[in-house]
C-alpha atoms as a PDB file:
ATOM      1  CA  UNK A   1     152.275 151.457 115.228  1.00  0.00           C
ATOM      2  CA  UNK A   2     153.609 148.279 113.690  1.00  0.00           C
ATOM      3  CA  UNK A   3     151.349 147.618 110.770  1.00  0.00           C
ATOM      4  CA  UNK A   4     151.470 144.810 108.273  1.00  0.00           C
ATOM      5  CA  UNK A   5     152.584 146.285 104.951  1.00  0.00           C
ATOM      6  CA  UNK A   6     149.956 144.811 102.647  1.00  0.00           C
ATOM      7  CA  UNK A   7     147.084 145.470 105.077  1.00  0.00           C
ATOM      8  CA  UNK A   8     148.047 149.111 105.486  1.00  0.00           C
ATOM      9  CA  UNK A   9     148.682 149.459 101.758  1.00  0.00           C
ATOM     10  CA  UNK A  10     145.321 147.942 100.805  1.00  0.00           C
ATOM     11  CA  UNK A  11     143.475 150.003 103.406  1.00  0.00           C
ATOM     12  CA  UNK A  12     145.171 153.224 102.309  1.00  0.00           C
ATOM     13  CA  UNK A  13     144.458 152.401  98.670  1.00  0.00           C
ATOM     14  CA  UNK A  14     140.788 151.871  99.509  1.00  0.00           C
ATOM     15  CA  UNK A  15     140.705 155.112 101.476  1.00  0.00           C
ATOM     16  CA  UNK A  16     142.255 157.114  98.646  1.00  0.00           C
ATOM     17  CA  UNK A  17     139.815 155.556  96.138  1.00  0.00           C
ATOM     18  CA  UNK A  18     136.954 156.385  98.472  1.00  0.00           C
ATOM     19  CA  UNK A  19     138.081 160.006  98.781  1.00  0.00           C
ATOM     20  CA  UNK A  20     138.378 160.167  94.994  1.00  0.00           C
ATOM     21  CA  UNK A  21     134.877 158.715  94.484  1.00  0.00           C
ATOM     22  CA  UNK A  22     133.339 161.121  96.968  1.00  0.00           C
ATOM     23  CA  UNK A  23     134.934 164.068  95.169  1.00  0.00           C
ATOM     24  CA  UNK A  24     133.935 162.584  91.786  1.00  0.00           C
ATOM     25  CA  UNK A  25     130.356 162.456  93.092  1.00  0.00           C
ATOM     26  CA  UNK A  26     130.358 166.262  93.148  1.00  0.00           C
ATOM     27  CA  UNK A  27     132.767 167.223  90.357  1.00  0.00           C
ATOM     28  CA  UNK A  28     132.834 164.206  88.034  1.00  0.00           C
ATOM     29  CA  UNK A  29     130.837 163.172  85.013  1.00  0.00           C
ATOM     30  CA  UNK A  30     127.134 163.947  84.993  1.00  0.00           C
ATOM     31  CA  UNK A  31     125.977 160.376  85.643  1.00  0.00           C
ATOM     32  CA  UNK A  32     128.535 159.886  88.447  1.00  0.00           C
ATOM     33  CA  UNK A  33     127.326 162.907  90.379  1.00  0.00           C
ATOM     34  CA  UNK A  34     125.224 162.240  93.451  1.00  0.00           C
ATOM     35  CA  UNK A  35     122.722 164.879  92.342  1.00  0.00           C
ATOM     36  CA  UNK A  36     122.069 162.805  89.216  1.00  0.00           C
ATOM     37  CA  UNK A  37     121.284 159.472  90.830  1.00  0.00           C
ATOM     38  CA  UNK A  38     120.334 159.974  94.476  1.00  0.00           C
ATOM     39  CA  UNK A  39     116.551 160.023  94.527  1.00  0.00           C
ATOM     40  CA  UNK A  40     114.019 159.918  97.319  1.00  0.00           C
ATOM     41  CA  UNK A  41     112.312 156.866  98.785  1.00  0.00           C
ATOM     42  CA  UNK A  42     109.236 157.354  96.575  1.00  0.00           C
ATOM     43  CA  UNK A  43     111.333 157.154  93.393  1.00  0.00           C
ATOM     44  CA  UNK A  44     113.201 154.091  94.683  1.00  0.00           C
ATOM     45  CA  UNK A  45     109.952 152.310  95.638  1.00  0.00           C
ATOM     46  CA  UNK A  46     108.379 153.227  92.306  1.00  0.00           C
ATOM     47  CA  UNK A  47     111.368 151.807  90.488  1.00  0.00           C
ATOM     48  CA  UNK A  48     111.311 148.656  92.649  1.00  0.00           C
ATOM     49  CA  UNK A  49     107.729 147.941  91.533  1.00  0.00           C
ATOM     50  CA  UNK A  50     109.008 147.393  87.988  1.00  0.00           C
ATOM     51  CA  UNK A  51     111.901 145.095  88.877  1.00  0.00           C
ATOM     52  CA  UNK A  52     110.102 141.940  87.829  1.00  0.00           C
ATOM     53  CA  UNK A  53     109.503 143.219  84.294  1.00  0.00           C
ATOM     54  CA  UNK A  54     111.906 141.488  81.912  1.00  0.00           C
ATOM     55  CA  UNK A  55     112.543 144.660  79.933  1.00  0.00           C
ATOM     56  CA  UNK A  56     115.740 146.654  80.490  1.00  0.00           C
ATOM     57  CA  UNK A  57     115.308 149.923  82.369  1.00  0.00           C
ATOM     58  CA  UNK A  58     117.502 152.021  80.059  1.00  0.00           C
ATOM     59  CA  UNK A  59     118.301 154.694  82.614  1.00  0.00           C
ATOM     60  CA  UNK A  60     121.380 156.802  81.959  1.00  0.00           C
ATOM     61  CA  UNK A  61     123.618 156.163  84.934  1.00  0.00           C
ATOM     62  CA  UNK A  62     122.320 154.599  88.146  1.00  0.00           C
ATOM     63  CA  UNK A  63     118.652 153.812  88.614  1.00  0.00           C
ATOM     64  CA  UNK A  64     117.009 155.002  91.874  1.00  0.00           C
ATOM     65  CA  UNK A  65     117.699 151.710  93.702  1.00  0.00           C
ATOM     66  CA  UNK A  66     121.251 151.558  92.362  1.00  0.00           C
ATOM     67  CA  UNK A  67     121.785 155.092  93.650  1.00  0.00           C
ATOM     68  CA  UNK A  68     120.870 154.023  97.165  1.00  0.00           C
ATOM     69  CA  UNK A  69     123.166 150.996  96.853  1.00  0.00           C
ATOM     70  CA  UNK A  70     126.031 153.322  95.890  1.00  0.00           C
ATOM     71  CA  UNK A  71     125.391 155.381  99.028  1.00  0.00           C
ATOM     72  CA  UNK A  72     125.272 152.271 101.218  1.00  0.00           C
ATOM     73  CA  UNK A  73     128.475 150.896  99.700  1.00  0.00           C
ATOM     74  CA  UNK A  74     130.270 154.233 100.096  1.00  0.00           C
ATOM     75  CA  UNK A  75     129.091 154.614 103.702  1.00  0.00           C
ATOM     76  CA  UNK A  76     130.169 151.083 104.615  1.00  0.00           C
ATOM     77  CA  UNK A  77     133.490 151.496 102.799  1.00  0.00           C
ATOM     78  CA  UNK A  78     134.071 154.810 104.599  1.00  0.00           C
ATOM     79  CA  UNK A  79     133.345 153.168 107.943  1.00  0.00           C
ATOM     80  CA  UNK A  80     135.690 150.301 107.073  1.00  0.00           C
ATOM     81  CA  UNK A  81     138.505 152.603 105.986  1.00  0.00           C
ATOM     82  CA  UNK A  82     138.035 154.964 108.919  1.00  0.00           C
ATOM     83  CA  UNK A  83     137.973 152.244 111.551  1.00  0.00           C
ATOM     84  CA  UNK A  84     140.900 150.481 109.887  1.00  0.00           C
ATOM     85  CA  UNK A  85     143.093 153.479 110.609  1.00  0.00           C
ATOM     86  CA  UNK A  86     142.800 152.830 114.360  1.00  0.00           C
ATOM     87  CA  UNK A  87     142.249 149.052 114.432  1.00  0.00           C
ATOM     88  CA  UNK A  88     144.434 146.255 115.748  1.00  0.00           C
ATOM     89  CA  UNK A  89     144.240 142.478 115.657  1.00  0.00           C
ATOM     90  CA  UNK A  90     146.093 141.859 118.949  1.00  0.00           C
ATOM     91  CA  UNK A  91     148.726 139.872 117.066  1.00  0.00           C
ATOM     92  CA  UNK A  92     150.762 141.727 114.471  1.00  0.00           C
ATOM     93  CA  UNK A  93     148.647 144.294 112.659  1.00  0.00           C
ATOM     94  CA  UNK A  94     147.799 147.820 113.734  1.00  0.00           C
ATOM     95  CA  UNK A  95     146.279 150.624 111.713  1.00  0.00           C
ATOM     96  CA  UNK A  96     148.544 153.555 110.868  1.00  0.00           C
ATOM     97  CA  UNK A  97     146.845 155.748 113.507  1.00  0.00           C
ATOM     98  CA  UNK A  98     146.585 153.037 116.184  1.00  0.00           C
ATOM     99  CA  UNK A  99     148.984 154.853 118.489  1.00  0.00           C
ATOM    100  CA  UNK A 100     146.747 157.974 118.481  1.00  0.00           C
ATOM    101  CA  UNK A 101     144.074 156.266 120.631  1.00  0.00           C
ATOM    102  CA  UNK A 102     144.067 154.084 123.737  1.00  0.00           C
ATOM    103  CA  UNK A 103     144.169 150.295 123.466  1.00  0.00           C
ATOM    104  CA  UNK A 104     140.581 150.096 124.762  1.00  0.00           C
ATOM    105  CA  UNK A 105     139.416 152.573 122.124  1.00  0.00           C
ATOM    106  CA  UNK A 106     141.291 150.679 119.423  1.00  0.00           C
ATOM    107  CA  UNK A 107     139.692 147.431 120.581  1.00  0.00           C
ATOM    108  CA  UNK A 108     136.210 148.985 120.378  1.00  0.00           C
ATOM    109  CA  UNK A 109     136.971 150.416 116.936  1.00  0.00           C
ATOM    110  CA  UNK A 110     138.365 147.034 115.870  1.00  0.00           C
ATOM    111  CA  UNK A 111     135.074 145.360 116.845  1.00  0.00           C
ATOM    112  CA  UNK A 112     133.174 147.813 114.634  1.00  0.00           C
ATOM    113  CA  UNK A 113     135.737 147.221 111.866  1.00  0.00           C
ATOM    114  CA  UNK A 114     135.206 143.453 112.037  1.00  0.00           C
ATOM    115  CA  UNK A 115     131.403 143.683 112.155  1.00  0.00           C
ATOM    116  CA  UNK A 116     131.307 146.156 109.283  1.00  0.00           C
ATOM    117  CA  UNK A 117     133.487 143.845 107.194  1.00  0.00           C
ATOM    118  CA  UNK A 118     130.549 141.418 107.161  1.00  0.00           C
ATOM    119  CA  UNK A 119     128.101 144.211 106.278  1.00  0.00           C
ATOM    120  CA  UNK A 120     130.379 145.367 103.461  1.00  0.00           C
ATOM    121  CA  UNK A 121     130.671 141.828 102.074  1.00  0.00           C
ATOM    122  CA  UNK A 122     126.871 141.437 102.145  1.00  0.00           C
ATOM    123  CA  UNK A 123     126.440 144.754 100.303  1.00  0.00           C
ATOM    124  CA  UNK A 124     129.036 143.743  97.716  1.00  0.00           C
ATOM    125  CA  UNK A 125     127.248 140.404  97.283  1.00  0.00           C
ATOM    126  CA  UNK A 126     123.905 142.174  96.781  1.00  0.00           C
ATOM    127  CA  UNK A 127     125.502 144.527  94.260  1.00  0.00           C
ATOM    128  CA  UNK A 128     126.998 141.635  92.264  1.00  0.00           C
ATOM    129  CA  UNK A 129     123.681 139.753  92.458  1.00  0.00           C
ATOM    130  CA  UNK A 130     121.837 142.802  91.125  1.00  0.00           C
ATOM    131  CA  UNK A 131     124.271 143.154  88.211  1.00  0.00           C
ATOM    132  CA  UNK A 132     123.804 139.455  87.376  1.00  0.00           C
ATOM    133  CA  UNK A 133     120.016 139.783  87.724  1.00  0.00           C
ATOM    134  CA  UNK A 134     120.015 142.661  85.240  1.00  0.00           C
ATOM    135  CA  UNK A 135     122.259 140.746  82.860  1.00  0.00           C
ATOM    136  CA  UNK A 136     120.403 137.423  82.889  1.00  0.00           C
ATOM    137  CA  UNK A 137     116.807 138.336  83.688  1.00  0.00           C
ATOM    138  CA  UNK A 138     116.351 141.871  82.397  1.00  0.00           C
ATOM    139  CA  UNK A 139     118.840 141.442  79.520  1.00  0.00           C
ATOM    140  CA  UNK A 140     120.652 144.658  80.427  1.00  0.00           C
ATOM    141  CA  UNK A 141     124.442 144.616  80.670  1.00  0.00           C
ATOM    142  CA  UNK A 142     125.397 146.949  83.510  1.00  0.00           C
ATOM    143  CA  UNK A 143     128.972 145.703  83.705  1.00  0.00           C
ATOM    144  CA  UNK A 144     130.067 147.098  80.334  1.00  0.00           C
ATOM    145  CA  UNK A 145     129.044 150.682  81.215  1.00  0.00           C
ATOM    146  CA  UNK A 146     130.821 150.346  84.590  1.00  0.00           C
ATOM    147  CA  UNK A 147     134.033 149.560  82.734  1.00  0.00           C
ATOM    148  CA  UNK A 148     133.729 151.640  79.561  1.00  0.00           C
ATOM    149  CA  UNK A 149     131.601 154.536  80.789  1.00  0.00           C
ATOM    150  CA  UNK A 150     129.309 154.040  77.788  1.00  0.00           C
ATOM    151  CA  UNK A 151     125.755 152.730  77.877  1.00  0.00           C
ATOM    152  CA  UNK A 152     123.555 152.126  74.885  1.00  0.00           C
ATOM    153  CA  UNK A 153     120.089 153.540  75.386  1.00  0.00           C
ATOM    154  CA  UNK A 154     117.326 153.339  72.762  1.00  0.00           C
ATOM    155  CA  UNK A 155     116.505 156.614  71.069  1.00  0.00           C
ATOM    156  CA  UNK A 156     114.774 158.770  73.624  1.00  0.00           C
ATOM    157  CA  UNK A 157     115.149 162.333  74.763  1.00  0.00           C
ATOM    158  CA  UNK A 158     117.939 162.450  77.303  1.00  0.00           C
ATOM    159  CA  UNK A 159     119.166 165.301  79.419  1.00  0.00           C
ATOM    160  CA  UNK A 160     122.417 166.822  78.258  1.00  0.00           C
ATOM    161  CA  UNK A 161     125.164 164.864  79.979  1.00  0.00           C
ATOM    162  CA  UNK A 162     128.499 166.488  80.757  1.00  0.00           C
ATOM    163  CA  UNK A 163     131.663 164.413  80.895  1.00  0.00           C
ATOM    164  CA  UNK A 164     134.770 166.140  82.259  1.00  0.00           C
ATOM    165  CA  UNK A 165     138.148 165.216  80.874  1.00  0.00           C
ATOM    166  CA  UNK A 166     140.963 163.146  82.276  1.00  0.00           C
ATOM    167  CA  UNK A 167     142.677 166.280  83.598  1.00  0.00           C
ATOM    168  CA  UNK A 168     139.881 166.762  86.130  1.00  0.00           C
ATOM    169  CA  UNK A 169     140.076 163.092  87.123  1.00  0.00           C
ATOM    170  CA  UNK A 170     143.852 163.370  87.569  1.00  0.00           C
ATOM    171  CA  UNK A 171     143.442 166.535  89.654  1.00  0.00           C
ATOM    172  CA  UNK A 172     140.856 164.839  91.870  1.00  0.00           C
ATOM    173  CA  UNK A 173     143.148 161.810  92.239  1.00  0.00           C
ATOM    174  CA  UNK A 174     145.943 164.143  93.361  1.00  0.00           C
ATOM    175  CA  UNK A 175     143.576 165.760  95.875  1.00  0.00           C
ATOM    176  CA  UNK A 176     142.632 162.294  97.182  1.00  0.00           C
ATOM    177  CA  UNK A 177     146.311 161.394  97.588  1.00  0.00           C
ATOM    178  CA  UNK A 178     146.999 164.675  99.394  1.00  0.00           C
ATOM    179  CA  UNK A 179     143.983 164.136 101.665  1.00  0.00           C
ATOM    180  CA  UNK A 180     145.222 160.634 102.500  1.00  0.00           C
ATOM    181  CA  UNK A 181     148.702 161.978 103.271  1.00  0.00           C
ATOM    182  CA  UNK A 182     147.124 164.592 105.563  1.00  0.00           C
ATOM    183  CA  UNK A 183     145.052 161.923 107.340  1.00  0.00           C
ATOM    184  CA  UNK A 184     148.068 159.685 107.858  1.00  0.00           C
ATOM    185  CA  UNK A 185     150.206 162.555 109.164  1.00  0.00           C
ATOM    186  CA  UNK A 186     147.602 163.210 111.870  1.00  0.00           C
END
């Protein structure tokens, strides 16, 4: 298909980052693993009851609500990336796998792609609002740990956290790139 260079490039970049993050959720640092931060509804509701307290939560990694937000963001991003592969805009842009499906199928997928773009933007807005809420109301800087990977937590017994090296991250990035190449060669 004839795809616009920057659209395809940005979509493929997002897809490779998504593949990397999914793999990192199973083989990455302890606090980035899904098993560390995905908790049940009871834990999320229990955590939500304390949201109005001004005190920081001091959880290593994602709190139970943040864990669910990560899953929602990843699911919406996966839907966006997946539908983008087959989408078209009826003008000049087609996903890299557009020619693998019928025009009618591509149009239906494109409708989902456009609707999910709004959902994804709402989720991103909620995520940014939550980070700002924690910063200004709860006096807990969540942005710094997102960037540096380090979070200061008052002295308390913590589980032993394992942080794999850059070699593992590079290997997982290579796997993500290979998976993207396999998808695009479909």
